[in-house]
């Protein structure tokens, strides 16, 4: 049986999705994400998977310009959202210092 490009793409997207979800859950157990970090990380991860799928499917269809534009339009915001989510997850909550008179 010979695998075509689209079959390999879907297999690799499944592997990347599984590894990404496992990694997010693993880091959530260590750090305990807040709601803003969850939203940012999940949206960034979804956009990253979408950008990879868009890019490879465009290359398979013979449209390299659509592939590169997809990485710019979807890949760059995904990286920004993932970095923002990481910063939000590592941010320490402010503690209130009691006032003494």
N, C-alpha and C. Protein backbone atom coordinates (compact mmCIF):
# COMPACT_ATOMS: atom_id res chain seq x y z
N UNK A 1 0.84 -1.17 0.00
CA UNK A 1 0.00 0.00 0.00
C UNK A 1 0.89 1.24 0.00
N UNK A 2 0.59 2.15 -0.88
CA UNK A 2 1.35 3.38 -1.00
C UNK A 2 0.53 4.51 -0.40
N UNK A 3 1.15 5.26 0.49
CA UNK A 3 0.46 6.38 1.12
C UNK A 3 0.66 7.63 0.29
N UNK A 4 -0.41 8.38 0.14
CA UNK A 4 -0.32 9.64 -0.57
C UNK A 4 0.05 10.74 0.42
N UNK A 5 0.29 11.93 -0.09
CA UNK A 5 0.70 13.04 0.77
C UNK A 5 -0.36 13.42 1.78
N UNK A 6 -1.63 13.39 1.37
CA UNK A 6 -2.70 13.82 2.28
C UNK A 6 -2.88 12.82 3.41
N UNK A 7 -2.66 11.54 3.16
CA UNK A 7 -2.76 10.54 4.22
C UNK A 7 -1.64 10.72 5.25
N UNK A 8 -0.46 11.01 4.77
CA UNK A 8 0.66 11.26 5.68
C UNK A 8 0.41 12.55 6.47
N UNK A 9 -0.17 13.56 5.81
CA UNK A 9 -0.50 14.80 6.49
C UNK A 9 -1.46 14.56 7.65
N UNK A 10 -2.54 13.82 7.41
CA UNK A 10 -3.51 13.57 8.47
C UNK A 10 -2.92 12.72 9.59
N UNK A 11 -2.06 11.78 9.25
CA UNK A 11 -1.41 10.98 10.28
C UNK A 11 -0.52 11.86 11.16
N UNK A 12 0.27 12.72 10.53
CA UNK A 12 1.17 13.60 11.29
C UNK A 12 0.39 14.63 12.11
N UNK A 13 -0.73 15.11 11.58
CA UNK A 13 -1.56 16.04 12.36
C UNK A 13 -2.14 15.35 13.58
N UNK A 14 -2.50 14.08 13.45
CA UNK A 14 -2.98 13.32 14.60
C UNK A 14 -1.90 13.14 15.65
N UNK A 15 -0.69 12.85 15.20
CA UNK A 15 0.44 12.68 16.13
C UNK A 15 0.74 14.01 16.82
N UNK A 16 0.80 15.11 16.05
CA UNK A 16 1.08 16.43 16.64
C UNK A 16 -0.02 16.86 17.60
N UNK A 17 -1.28 16.58 17.26
CA UNK A 17 -2.38 16.94 18.15
C UNK A 17 -2.30 16.17 19.46
N UNK A 18 -2.02 14.89 19.37
CA UNK A 18 -1.92 14.07 20.57
C UNK A 18 -0.77 14.54 21.46
N UNK A 19 0.39 14.77 20.87
CA UNK A 19 1.54 15.24 21.65
C UNK A 19 1.28 16.63 22.24
N UNK A 20 0.64 17.50 21.49
CA UNK A 20 0.35 18.84 21.98
C UNK A 20 -0.64 18.84 23.13
N UNK A 21 -1.70 18.06 23.03
CA UNK A 21 -2.68 17.98 24.11
C UNK A 21 -2.06 17.36 25.35
N UNK A 22 -1.25 16.33 25.16
CA UNK A 22 -0.56 15.72 26.31
C UNK A 22 0.37 16.72 26.98
N UNK A 23 1.10 17.50 26.19
CA UNK A 23 2.02 18.49 26.74
C UNK A 23 1.28 19.58 27.50
N UNK A 24 0.16 20.05 26.95
CA UNK A 24 -0.62 21.08 27.64
C UNK A 24 -1.14 20.56 28.97
N UNK A 25 -1.66 19.35 28.99
CA UNK A 25 -2.17 18.77 30.24
C UNK A 25 -1.05 18.53 31.23
N UNK A 26 0.11 18.09 30.74
CA UNK A 26 1.26 17.85 31.63
C UNK A 26 1.71 19.14 32.30
N UNK A 27 1.82 20.23 31.53
CA UNK A 27 2.24 21.50 32.11
C UNK A 27 1.16 22.11 33.00
N UNK A 28 -0.11 21.81 32.71
CA UNK A 28 -1.17 22.30 33.59
C UNK A 28 -1.08 21.65 34.97
N UNK A 29 -0.67 20.40 35.03
CA UNK A 29 -0.51 19.74 36.32
C UNK A 29 0.64 20.36 37.12
N UNK A 30 1.67 20.82 36.43
CA UNK A 30 2.81 21.44 37.12
C UNK A 30 2.53 22.88 37.53
N UNK A 31 1.95 23.67 36.63
CA UNK A 31 1.86 25.11 36.82
C UNK A 31 0.47 25.57 37.27
N UNK A 32 -0.59 24.88 36.91
CA UNK A 32 -1.98 25.28 37.16
C UNK A 32 -2.32 26.57 36.42
N UNK A 33 -2.71 26.42 35.17
CA UNK A 33 -3.06 27.56 34.32
C UNK A 33 -4.30 28.26 34.84
N UNK A 34 -4.36 29.57 34.65
CA UNK A 34 -5.59 30.30 34.90
C UNK A 34 -6.40 30.32 33.60
N UNK A 35 -7.59 30.94 33.65
CA UNK A 35 -8.49 30.91 32.49
C UNK A 35 -7.89 31.60 31.27
N UNK A 36 -7.24 32.74 31.48
CA UNK A 36 -6.66 33.47 30.35
C UNK A 36 -5.54 32.67 29.69
N UNK A 37 -4.75 31.97 30.50
CA UNK A 37 -3.68 31.15 29.94
C UNK A 37 -4.26 29.98 29.16
N UNK A 38 -5.32 29.37 29.69
CA UNK A 38 -5.97 28.26 28.97
C UNK A 38 -6.46 28.71 27.61
N UNK A 39 -7.15 29.81 27.57
CA UNK A 39 -7.72 30.30 26.30
C UNK A 39 -6.60 30.62 25.32
N UNK A 40 -5.59 31.31 25.77
CA UNK A 40 -4.49 31.70 24.89
C UNK A 40 -3.72 30.48 24.37
N UNK A 41 -3.42 29.55 25.24
CA UNK A 41 -2.65 28.37 24.83
C UNK A 41 -3.47 27.48 23.89
N UNK A 42 -4.73 27.25 24.22
CA UNK A 42 -5.55 26.38 23.36
C UNK A 42 -5.80 27.01 21.99
N UNK A 43 -6.07 28.32 21.96
CA UNK A 43 -6.27 29.00 20.69
C UNK A 43 -4.99 29.04 19.87
N UNK A 44 -3.86 29.28 20.53
CA UNK A 44 -2.58 29.27 19.83
C UNK A 44 -2.23 27.90 19.29
N UNK A 45 -2.52 26.86 20.06
CA UNK A 45 -2.25 25.49 19.60
C UNK A 45 -3.13 25.13 18.41
N UNK A 46 -4.43 25.49 18.48
CA UNK A 46 -5.33 25.23 17.37
C UNK A 46 -4.86 25.95 16.10
N UNK A 47 -4.47 27.22 16.24
CA UNK A 47 -3.98 27.97 15.07
C UNK A 47 -2.69 27.38 14.51
N UNK A 48 -1.82 26.86 15.38
CA UNK A 48 -0.58 26.26 14.91
C UNK A 48 -0.86 25.00 14.09
N UNK A 49 -1.75 24.16 14.59
CA UNK A 49 -2.13 22.95 13.84
C UNK A 49 -2.80 23.34 12.52
N UNK A 50 -3.66 24.36 12.56
CA UNK A 50 -4.32 24.81 11.35
C UNK A 50 -3.32 25.36 10.34
N UNK A 51 -2.32 26.10 10.81
CA UNK A 51 -1.31 26.67 9.92
C UNK A 51 -0.49 25.56 9.26
N UNK A 52 -0.14 24.53 10.02
CA UNK A 52 0.62 23.41 9.45
C UNK A 52 -0.23 22.69 8.41
N UNK A 53 -1.50 22.44 8.73
CA UNK A 53 -2.38 21.76 7.77
C UNK A 53 -2.58 22.59 6.51
N UNK A 54 -2.78 23.89 6.69
CA UNK A 54 -2.96 24.80 5.55
C UNK A 54 -1.71 24.79 4.66
N UNK A 55 -0.55 24.88 5.29
CA UNK A 55 0.69 24.96 4.54
C UNK A 55 0.95 23.69 3.74
N UNK A 56 0.83 22.54 4.38
CA UNK A 56 1.12 21.29 3.68
C UNK A 56 0.08 21.00 2.60
N UNK A 57 -1.19 21.30 2.88
CA UNK A 57 -2.19 21.04 1.84
C UNK A 57 -2.02 21.98 0.65
N UNK A 58 -1.58 23.20 0.91
CA UNK A 58 -1.31 24.13 -0.20
C UNK A 58 -0.13 23.67 -1.03
N UNK A 59 0.90 23.15 -0.37
CA UNK A 59 2.05 22.62 -1.12
C UNK A 59 1.64 21.41 -1.95
N UNK A 60 0.82 20.54 -1.37
CA UNK A 60 0.37 19.35 -2.11
C UNK A 60 -0.49 19.73 -3.31
N UNK A 61 -1.21 20.85 -3.23
CA UNK A 61 -2.02 21.31 -4.35
C UNK A 61 -1.22 22.13 -5.35
N UNK A 62 0.05 22.41 -5.05
CA UNK A 62 0.90 23.15 -5.98
C UNK A 62 0.77 24.66 -5.86
N UNK A 63 0.44 25.15 -4.69
CA UNK A 63 0.30 26.59 -4.46
C UNK A 63 1.27 27.04 -3.37
N UNK A 64 2.55 27.24 -3.70
CA UNK A 64 3.51 27.62 -2.65
C UNK A 64 3.27 29.01 -2.06
N UNK A 65 2.70 29.92 -2.83
CA UNK A 65 2.44 31.26 -2.30
C UNK A 65 1.33 31.21 -1.23
N UNK A 66 0.31 30.39 -1.45
CA UNK A 66 -0.75 30.24 -0.45
C UNK A 66 -0.19 29.58 0.81
N UNK A 67 0.77 28.70 0.63
CA UNK A 67 1.40 28.05 1.78
C UNK A 67 2.16 29.05 2.63
N UNK A 68 2.96 29.89 2.00
CA UNK A 68 3.73 30.86 2.77
C UNK A 68 2.83 31.92 3.39
N UNK A 69 1.81 32.34 2.70
CA UNK A 69 0.88 33.32 3.28
C UNK A 69 0.09 32.71 4.43
N UNK A 70 -0.23 31.43 4.34
CA UNK A 70 -0.92 30.76 5.44
C UNK A 70 -0.05 30.71 6.69
N UNK A 71 1.25 30.49 6.50
CA UNK A 71 2.15 30.48 7.66
C UNK A 71 2.27 31.87 8.27
N UNK A 72 2.22 32.91 7.44
CA UNK A 72 2.29 34.27 7.97
C UNK A 72 0.99 34.63 8.68
N UNK A 73 -0.14 34.35 8.03
CA UNK A 73 -1.43 34.77 8.56
C UNK A 73 -1.87 33.93 9.76
N UNK A 74 -1.60 32.62 9.74
CA UNK A 74 -2.03 31.76 10.83
C UNK A 74 -0.90 31.35 11.77
N UNK A 75 0.31 31.22 11.25
CA UNK A 75 1.43 30.75 12.06
C UNK A 75 1.96 31.80 13.02
N UNK A 76 2.10 33.03 12.55
CA UNK A 76 2.63 34.09 13.40
C UNK A 76 1.70 34.39 14.59
N UNK A 77 0.38 34.54 14.37
CA UNK A 77 -0.49 34.76 15.54
C UNK A 77 -0.50 33.58 16.51
N UNK A 78 -0.33 32.36 15.98
CA UNK A 78 -0.31 31.21 16.88
C UNK A 78 0.91 31.25 17.79
N UNK A 79 2.04 31.64 17.25
CA UNK A 79 3.24 31.74 18.08
C UNK A 79 3.09 32.86 19.10
N UNK A 80 2.49 33.98 18.70
CA UNK A 80 2.27 35.08 19.63
C UNK A 80 1.33 34.65 20.75
N UNK A 81 0.25 33.94 20.41
CA UNK A 81 -0.70 33.48 21.43
C UNK A 81 -0.06 32.45 22.36
N UNK A 82 0.78 31.56 21.82
CA UNK A 82 1.44 30.58 22.68
C UNK A 82 2.42 31.24 23.64
N UNK A 83 3.15 32.23 23.17
CA UNK A 83 4.09 32.94 24.06
C UNK A 83 3.31 33.74 25.11
N UNK A 84 2.22 34.38 24.70
CA UNK A 84 1.39 35.11 25.65
C UNK A 84 0.80 34.17 26.70
N UNK A 85 0.33 33.01 26.26
CA UNK A 85 -0.21 32.03 27.20
C UNK A 85 0.83 31.53 28.17
N UNK A 86 2.04 31.35 27.70
CA UNK A 86 3.13 30.92 28.59
C UNK A 86 3.43 31.98 29.64
N UNK A 87 3.46 33.24 29.20
CA UNK A 87 3.71 34.32 30.15
C UNK A 87 2.59 34.44 31.17
N UNK A 88 1.35 34.26 30.72
CA UNK A 88 0.22 34.31 31.65
C UNK A 88 0.24 33.13 32.62
N UNK A 89 0.70 31.98 32.15
CA UNK A 89 0.75 30.80 33.02
C UNK A 89 1.85 30.92 34.06
N UNK A 90 2.96 31.54 33.71
CA UNK A 90 4.07 31.66 34.64
C UNK A 90 3.97 32.89 35.54
N UNK A 91 2.98 33.76 35.28
CA UNK A 91 2.82 34.97 36.07
C UNK A 91 2.37 34.61 37.48
N UNK A 92 3.06 35.15 38.44
CA UNK A 92 2.73 34.89 39.84
C UNK A 92 1.59 35.82 40.28
N UNK A 93 0.62 35.28 41.01
CA UNK A 93 -0.45 36.16 41.50
C UNK A 93 0.07 37.13 42.55
N UNK A 94 -0.47 38.33 42.53
CA UNK A 94 -0.04 39.35 43.49
C UNK A 94 -0.60 39.02 44.87
N UNK A 95 0.24 39.14 45.87
CA UNK A 95 -0.21 38.92 47.24
C UNK A 95 -0.41 40.26 47.92
N UNK A 96 -1.44 40.34 48.71
CA UNK A 96 -1.72 41.59 49.41
C UNK A 96 -0.89 41.65 50.69
N UNK A 97 -0.26 42.78 50.87
CA UNK A 97 0.55 43.00 52.08
C UNK A 97 -0.31 43.78 53.07
N UNK A 98 -0.51 43.25 54.26
CA UNK A 98 -1.36 43.99 55.24
C UNK A 98 -0.67 45.27 55.69
N UNK A 99 -1.47 46.30 55.84
CA UNK A 99 -0.95 47.59 56.28
C UNK A 99 -0.83 47.60 57.81
N UNK A 100 0.25 48.15 58.28
CA UNK A 100 0.42 48.29 59.73
C UNK A 100 0.46 49.78 60.06
N UNK A 101 -0.24 50.18 61.09
CA UNK A 101 -0.26 51.59 61.49
C UNK A 101 0.56 51.81 62.71
